[in-house]
Each structure stands twice: as C-alpha cells, then as structure tokens.
PDB file of N, CA and C in Angstrom:
ATOM      1  N   MET A   1      -4.237  10.729   0.129  1.00  0.00           N
ATOM      2  CA  MET A   1      -2.981  10.218  -0.434  1.00  0.00           C
ATOM      3  C   MET A   1      -1.987   9.954   0.685  1.00  0.00           C
ATOM      4  N   SER A   2      -1.294   8.866   0.577  1.00  0.00           N
ATOM      5  CA  SER A   2      -0.348   8.516   1.632  1.00  0.00           C
ATOM      6  C   SER A   2       0.956   9.300   1.477  1.00  0.00           C
ATOM      7  N   GLN A   3       1.691   9.365   2.551  1.00  0.00           N
ATOM      8  CA  GLN A   3       2.995  10.006   2.546  1.00  0.00           C
ATOM      9  C   GLN A   3       4.015   9.028   1.968  1.00  0.00           C
ATOM     10  N   ILE A   4       5.034   9.568   1.299  1.00  0.00           N
ATOM     11  CA  ILE A   4       6.036   8.722   0.657  1.00  0.00           C
ATOM     12  C   ILE A   4       7.423   9.083   1.167  1.00  0.00           C
ATOM     13  N   ILE A   5       8.168   8.058   1.563  1.00  0.00           N
ATOM     14  CA  ILE A   5       9.574   8.212   1.919  1.00  0.00           C
ATOM     15  C   ILE A   5      10.375   7.611   0.771  1.00  0.00           C
ATOM     16  N   ASP A   6      11.215   8.407   0.143  1.00  0.00           N
ATOM     17  CA  ASP A   6      12.068   7.910  -0.937  1.00  0.00           C
ATOM     18  C   ASP A   6      13.420   7.536  -0.341  1.00  0.00           C
ATOM     19  N   ALA A   7      13.614   6.241  -0.119  1.00  0.00           N
ATOM     20  CA  ALA A   7      14.859   5.758   0.482  1.00  0.00           C
ATOM     21  C   ALA A   7      15.744   5.078  -0.555  1.00  0.00           C
ATOM     22  N   ARG A   8      15.457   5.304  -1.843  1.00  0.00           N
ATOM     23  CA  ARG A   8      16.290   4.716  -2.892  1.00  0.00           C
ATOM     24  C   ARG A   8      17.683   5.338  -2.835  1.00  0.00           C
ATOM     25  N   GLY A   9      18.681   4.504  -2.997  1.00  0.00           N
ATOM     26  CA  GLY A   9      20.060   4.987  -3.003  1.00  0.00           C
ATOM     27  C   GLY A   9      20.677   5.158  -1.623  1.00  0.00           C
ATOM     28  N   LEU A  10      19.885   4.985  -0.570  1.00  0.00           N
ATOM     29  CA  LEU A  10      20.425   5.101   0.787  1.00  0.00           C
ATOM     30  C   LEU A  10      21.013   3.767   1.210  1.00  0.00           C
ATOM     31  N   SER A  11      22.150   3.819   1.910  1.00  0.00           N
ATOM     32  CA  SER A  11      22.765   2.580   2.378  1.00  0.00           C
ATOM     33  C   SER A  11      22.152   2.190   3.722  1.00  0.00           C
ATOM     34  N   CYS A  12      22.179   0.898   4.008  1.00  0.00           N
ATOM     35  CA  CYS A  12      21.676   0.406   5.287  1.00  0.00           C
ATOM     36  C   CYS A  12      22.504   1.005   6.414  1.00  0.00           C
ATOM     37  N   PRO A  13      21.889   1.357   7.521  1.00  0.00           N
ATOM     38  CA  PRO A  13      20.488   1.084   7.877  1.00  0.00           C
ATOM     39  C   PRO A  13      19.562   2.273   7.635  1.00  0.00           C
ATOM     40  N   GLN A  14      19.954   3.241   6.822  1.00  0.00           N
ATOM     41  CA  GLN A  14      19.159   4.466   6.665  1.00  0.00           C
ATOM     42  C   GLN A  14      17.705   4.242   6.239  1.00  0.00           C
ATOM     43  N   PRO A  15      17.399   3.360   5.279  1.00  0.00           N
ATOM     44  CA  PRO A  15      15.982   3.155   4.930  1.00  0.00           C
ATOM     45  C   PRO A  15      15.148   2.644   6.113  1.00  0.00           C
ATOM     46  N   VAL A  16      15.734   1.748   6.913  1.00  0.00           N
ATOM     47  CA  VAL A  16      15.026   1.192   8.072  1.00  0.00           C
ATOM     48  C   VAL A  16      14.808   2.284   9.123  1.00  0.00           C
ATOM     49  N   ILE A  17      15.820   3.106   9.349  1.00  0.00           N
ATOM     50  CA  ILE A  17      15.698   4.191  10.325  1.00  0.00           C
ATOM     51  C   ILE A  17      14.609   5.164   9.890  1.00  0.00           C
ATOM     52  N   ALA A  18      14.562   5.492   8.602  1.00  0.00           N
ATOM     53  CA  ALA A  18      13.542   6.421   8.093  1.00  0.00           C
ATOM     54  C   ALA A  18      12.142   5.840   8.266  1.00  0.00           C
ATOM     55  N   ALA A  19      11.976   4.548   7.963  1.00  0.00           N
ATOM     56  CA  ALA A  19      10.668   3.907   8.112  1.00  0.00           C
ATOM     57  C   ALA A  19      10.262   3.840   9.580  1.00  0.00           C
ATOM     58  N   ASP A  20      11.217   3.490  10.440  1.00  0.00           N
ATOM     59  CA  ASP A  20      10.941   3.405  11.876  1.00  0.00           C
ATOM     60  C   ASP A  20      10.519   4.764  12.419  1.00  0.00           C
ATOM     61  N   ARG A  21      11.205   5.803  12.012  1.00  0.00           N
ATOM     62  CA  ARG A  21      10.879   7.168  12.457  1.00  0.00           C
ATOM     63  C   ARG A  21       9.448   7.535  12.039  1.00  0.00           C
ATOM     64  N   LYS A  22       9.074   7.195  10.811  1.00  0.00           N
ATOM     65  CA  LYS A  22       7.729   7.527  10.317  1.00  0.00           C
ATOM     66  C   LYS A  22       6.665   6.712  11.045  1.00  0.00           C
ATOM     67  N   MET A  23       6.926   5.436  11.322  1.00  0.00           N
ATOM     68  CA  MET A  23       5.964   4.612  12.065  1.00  0.00           C
ATOM     69  C   MET A  23       5.711   5.208  13.449  1.00  0.00           C
ATOM     70  N   LYS A  24       6.780   5.619  14.120  1.00  0.00           N
ATOM     71  CA  LYS A  24       6.635   6.202  15.457  1.00  0.00           C
ATOM     72  C   LYS A  24       5.948   7.561  15.397  1.00  0.00           C
ATOM     73  N   GLU A  25       6.252   8.341  14.369  1.00  0.00           N
ATOM     74  CA  GLU A  25       5.644   9.671  14.211  1.00  0.00           C
ATOM     75  C   GLU A  25       4.135   9.558  13.982  1.00  0.00           C
ATOM     76  N   LEU A  26       3.741   8.627  13.110  1.00  0.00           N
ATOM     77  CA  LEU A  26       2.318   8.494  12.771  1.00  0.00           C
ATOM     78  C   LEU A  26       1.532   7.723  13.834  1.00  0.00           C
ATOM     79  N   GLY A  27       2.140   6.679  14.384  1.00  0.00           N
ATOM     80  CA  GLY A  27       1.418   5.835  15.327  1.00  0.00           C
ATOM     81  C   GLY A  27       0.481   4.871  14.627  1.00  0.00           C
ATOM     82  N   ARG A  28      -0.272   5.379  13.686  1.00  0.00           N
ATOM     83  CA  ARG A  28      -1.159   4.579  12.833  1.00  0.00           C
ATOM     84  C   ARG A  28      -1.400   5.356  11.551  1.00  0.00           C
ATOM     85  N   GLY A  29      -1.929   4.674  10.549  1.00  0.00           N
ATOM     86  CA  GLY A  29      -2.184   5.332   9.276  1.00  0.00           C
ATOM     87  C   GLY A  29      -1.549   4.556   8.137  1.00  0.00           C
ATOM     88  N   VAL A  30      -1.237   5.274   7.060  1.00  0.00           N
ATOM     89  CA  VAL A  30      -0.708   4.661   5.846  1.00  0.00           C
ATOM     90  C   VAL A  30       0.434   5.521   5.328  1.00  0.00           C
ATOM     91  N   PHE A  31       1.510   4.865   4.917  1.00  0.00           N
ATOM     92  CA  PHE A  31       2.573   5.568   4.198  1.00  0.00           C
ATOM     93  C   PHE A  31       3.329   4.577   3.326  1.00  0.00           C
ATOM     94  N   GLU A  32       4.105   5.105   2.402  1.00  0.00           N
ATOM     95  CA  GLU A  32       4.869   4.276   1.481  1.00  0.00           C
ATOM     96  C   GLU A  32       6.349   4.551   1.639  1.00  0.00           C
ATOM     97  N   VAL A  33       7.131   3.515   1.379  1.00  0.00           N
ATOM     98  CA  VAL A  33       8.592   3.651   1.352  1.00  0.00           C
ATOM     99  C   VAL A  33       9.064   3.086   0.018  1.00  0.00           C
ATOM    100  N   LEU A  34       9.859   3.862  -0.688  1.00  0.00           N
ATOM    101  CA  LEU A  34      10.473   3.398  -1.929  1.00  0.00           C
ATOM    102  C   LEU A  34      11.906   2.997  -1.628  1.00  0.00           C
ATOM    103  N   VAL A  35      12.271   1.772  -2.012  1.00  0.00           N
ATOM    104  CA  VAL A  35      13.640   1.295  -1.826  1.00  0.00           C
ATOM    105  C   VAL A  35      14.115   0.661  -3.130  1.00  0.00           C
ATOM    106  N   ASP A  36      15.414   0.419  -3.206  1.00  0.00           N
ATOM    107  CA  ASP A  36      15.957  -0.172  -4.432  1.00  0.00           C
ATOM    108  C   ASP A  36      16.830  -1.390  -4.172  1.00  0.00           C
ATOM    109  N   THR A  37      16.741  -1.945  -2.955  1.00  0.00           N
ATOM    110  CA  THR A  37      17.478  -3.185  -2.673  1.00  0.00           C
ATOM    111  C   THR A  37      16.573  -4.176  -1.952  1.00  0.00           C
ATOM    112  N   GLU A  38      16.845  -5.433  -2.199  1.00  0.00           N
ATOM    113  CA  GLU A  38      16.099  -6.511  -1.545  1.00  0.00           C
ATOM    114  C   GLU A  38      16.354  -6.492  -0.037  1.00  0.00           C
ATOM    115  N   THR A  39      17.572  -6.160   0.356  1.00  0.00           N
ATOM    116  CA  THR A  39      17.925  -6.108   1.781  1.00  0.00           C
ATOM    117  C   THR A  39      17.090  -5.064   2.508  1.00  0.00           C
ATOM    118  N   ALA A  40      16.974  -3.870   1.932  1.00  0.00           N
ATOM    119  CA  ALA A  40      16.174  -2.817   2.557  1.00  0.00           C
ATOM    120  C   ALA A  40      14.721  -3.260   2.664  1.00  0.00           C
ATOM    121  N   LYS A  41      14.213  -3.893   1.605  1.00  0.00           N
ATOM    122  CA  LYS A  41      12.825  -4.379   1.625  1.00  0.00           C
ATOM    123  C   LYS A  41      12.623  -5.366   2.768  1.00  0.00           C
ATOM    124  N   GLU A  42      13.508  -6.341   2.880  1.00  0.00           N
ATOM    125  CA  GLU A  42      13.363  -7.373   3.910  1.00  0.00           C
ATOM    126  C   GLU A  42      13.473  -6.786   5.318  1.00  0.00           C
ATOM    127  N   ASN A  43      14.423  -5.869   5.519  1.00  0.00           N
ATOM    128  CA  ASN A  43      14.613  -5.280   6.839  1.00  0.00           C
ATOM    129  C   ASN A  43      13.422  -4.416   7.255  1.00  0.00           C
ATOM    130  N   ILE A  44      12.885  -3.634   6.323  1.00  0.00           N
ATOM    131  CA  ILE A  44      11.719  -2.794   6.635  1.00  0.00           C
ATOM    132  C   ILE A  44      10.496  -3.673   6.871  1.00  0.00           C
ATOM    133  N   ALA A  45      10.334  -4.714   6.072  1.00  0.00           N
ATOM    134  CA  ALA A  45       9.193  -5.622   6.256  1.00  0.00           C
ATOM    135  C   ALA A  45       9.242  -6.278   7.632  1.00  0.00           C
ATOM    136  N   ARG A  46      10.425  -6.713   8.046  1.00  0.00           N
ATOM    137  CA  ARG A  46      10.583  -7.342   9.364  1.00  0.00           C
ATOM    138  C   ARG A  46      10.239  -6.357  10.474  1.00  0.00           C
ATOM    139  N   LEU A  47      10.765  -5.148  10.376  1.00  0.00           N
ATOM    140  CA  LEU A  47      10.487  -4.104  11.375  1.00  0.00           C
ATOM    141  C   LEU A  47       8.988  -3.804  11.444  1.00  0.00           C
ATOM    142  N   ALA A  48       8.365  -3.653  10.277  1.00  0.00           N
ATOM    143  CA  ALA A  48       6.938  -3.323  10.229  1.00  0.00           C
ATOM    144  C   ALA A  48       6.105  -4.416  10.891  1.00  0.00           C
ATOM    145  N   GLN A  49       6.386  -5.661  10.562  1.00  0.00           N
ATOM    146  CA  GLN A  49       5.617  -6.766  11.127  1.00  0.00           C
ATOM    147  C   GLN A  49       5.806  -6.855  12.637  1.00  0.00           C
ATOM    148  N   GLN A  50       7.029  -6.629  13.111  1.00  0.00           N
ATOM    149  CA  GLN A  50       7.281  -6.670  14.552  1.00  0.00           C
ATOM    150  C   GLN A  50       6.568  -5.535  15.270  1.00  0.00           C
ATOM    151  N   SER A  51       6.308  -4.450  14.548  1.00  0.00           N
ATOM    152  CA  SER A  51       5.661  -3.268  15.139  1.00  0.00           C
ATOM    153  C   SER A  51       4.152  -3.263  14.924  1.00  0.00           C
ATOM    154  N   GLY A  52       3.612  -4.333  14.324  1.00  0.00           N
ATOM    155  CA  GLY A  52       2.167  -4.444  14.148  1.00  0.00           C
ATOM    156  C   GLY A  52       1.617  -3.737  12.917  1.00  0.00           C
ATOM    157  N   TRP A  53       2.473  -3.417  11.953  1.00  0.00           N
ATOM    158  CA  TRP A  53       2.032  -2.779  10.710  1.00  0.00           C
ATOM    159  C   TRP A  53       1.855  -3.834   9.633  1.00  0.00           C
ATOM    160  N   LYS A  54       0.787  -3.686   8.814  1.00  0.00           N
ATOM    161  CA  LYS A  54       0.613  -4.532   7.635  1.00  0.00           C
ATOM    162  C   LYS A  54       1.518  -3.972   6.552  1.00  0.00           C
ATOM    163  N   ILE A  55       2.037  -4.849   5.708  1.00  0.00           N
ATOM    164  CA  ILE A  55       2.920  -4.380   4.643  1.00  0.00           C
ATOM    165  C   ILE A  55       2.603  -5.089   3.341  1.00  0.00           C
ATOM    166  N   GLU A  56       2.541  -4.313   2.273  1.00  0.00           N
ATOM    167  CA  GLU A  56       2.384  -4.843   0.921  1.00  0.00           C
ATOM    168  C   GLU A  56       3.589  -4.392   0.130  1.00  0.00           C
ATOM    169  N   THR A  57       4.132  -5.275  -0.692  1.00  0.00           N
ATOM    170  CA  THR A  57       5.266  -4.897  -1.520  1.00  0.00           C
ATOM    171  C   THR A  57       4.900  -5.028  -2.987  1.00  0.00           C
ATOM    172  N   LYS A  58       5.435  -4.122  -3.782  1.00  0.00           N
ATOM    173  CA  LYS A  58       5.191  -4.148  -5.225  1.00  0.00           C
ATOM    174  C   LYS A  58       6.483  -3.788  -5.931  1.00  0.00           C
ATOM    175  N   GLN A  59       6.917  -4.671  -6.841  1.00  0.00           N
ATOM    176  CA  GLN A  59       8.118  -4.418  -7.633  1.00  0.00           C
ATOM    177  C   GLN A  59       7.740  -3.492  -8.793  1.00  0.00           C
ATOM    178  N   GLU A  60       8.485  -2.416  -8.972  1.00  0.00           N
ATOM    179  CA  GLU A  60       8.235  -1.478 -10.072  1.00  0.00           C
ATOM    180  C   GLU A  60       9.560  -1.214 -10.778  1.00  0.00           C
ATOM    181  N   GLY A  61       9.864  -2.032 -11.770  1.00  0.00           N
ATOM    182  CA  GLY A  61      11.151  -1.912 -12.433  1.00  0.00           C
ATOM    183  C   GLY A  61      12.252  -2.268 -11.451  1.00  0.00           C
ATOM    184  N   GLY A  62      13.221  -1.364 -11.273  1.00  0.00           N
ATOM    185  CA  GLY A  62      14.301  -1.603 -10.323  1.00  0.00           C
ATOM    186  C   GLY A  62      13.968  -1.164  -8.915  1.00  0.00           C
ATOM    187  N   ASP A  63      12.787  -0.579  -8.744  1.00  0.00           N
ATOM    188  CA  ASP A  63      12.381  -0.061  -7.433  1.00  0.00           C
ATOM    189  C   ASP A  63      11.379  -0.990  -6.762  1.00  0.00           C
ATOM    190  N   ILE A  64      11.324  -0.904  -5.467  1.00  0.00           N
ATOM    191  CA  ILE A  64      10.356  -1.674  -4.672  1.00  0.00           C
ATOM    192  C   ILE A  64       9.538  -0.685  -3.853  1.00  0.00           C
ATOM    193  N   ARG A  65       8.227  -0.755  -3.984  1.00  0.00           N
ATOM    194  CA  ARG A  65       7.312   0.114  -3.248  1.00  0.00           C
ATOM    195  C   ARG A  65       6.723  -0.683  -2.088  1.00  0.00           C
ATOM    196  N   LEU A  66       6.910  -0.183  -0.877  1.00  0.00           N
ATOM    197  CA  LEU A  66       6.378  -0.825   0.318  1.00  0.00           C
ATOM    198  C   LEU A  66       5.233   0.040   0.850  1.00  0.00           C
ATOM    199  N   LEU A  67       4.071  -0.525   0.955  1.00  0.00           N
ATOM    200  CA  LEU A  67       2.911   0.178   1.507  1.00  0.00           C
ATOM    201  C   LEU A  67       2.705  -0.334   2.924  1.00  0.00           C
ATOM    202  N   LEU A  68       2.840   0.554   3.892  1.00  0.00           N
ATOM    203  CA  LEU A  68       2.684   0.188   5.299  1.00  0.00           C
ATOM    204  C   LEU A  68       1.388   0.778   5.829  1.00  0.00           C
ATOM    205  N   GLU A  69       0.650  -0.033   6.587  1.00  0.00           N
ATOM    206  CA  GLU A  69      -0.639   0.423   7.113  1.00  0.00           C
ATOM    207  C   GLU A  69      -0.874  -0.141   8.501  1.00  0.00           C
ATOM    208  N   LYS A  70      -1.391   0.720   9.371  1.00  0.00           N
ATOM    209  CA  LYS A  70      -1.785   0.297  10.716  1.00  0.00           C
ATOM    210  C   LYS A  70      -3.049   1.054  11.076  1.00  0.00           C
ATOM    211  N   THR A  71      -4.079   0.294  11.495  1.00  0.00           N
ATOM    212  CA  THR A  71      -5.360   0.935  11.849  1.00  0.00           C
ATOM    213  C   THR A  71      -5.550   0.982  13.345  1.00  0.00           C
TER     214      THR A  71
END
C-alpha cells in the first residue's frame, strides 16, 4: 500500500512542499497526495514531472487524488 499525504485544506505552497519533501525522502517508489484545489494539483503535477515522477490524477468528489510513482 502506498503512503498518503493529506494536503486538503492546506494553502499554497504547503501541498507542494509536502509532496517535494516526500519525493526527496523516498527517492523512488509510490505515494499519493490528496488535494482539494486545481492549483495544488497543477503545481504538484509540474513539480513531479520536472523531478522525473509519473503522475496520475483522479477526481473524487471535491477531492483530487494524485498518484506519484518513480521506478
């Protein structure tokens, strides 16, 4: 099971900082980030792609689930 960061309700840039910290901590692997704004989704997706991580997004009601993976 992947690790989950719940960044819902956090104002920018906190969701991006949390995702960046986890990417650096893991180096590779899989984890999820839950966000509730389009801005947070776009910023995390941009960061992930620049860092060589694959990203999948899934809308779940008012929440957005980002699955990040690097092998």
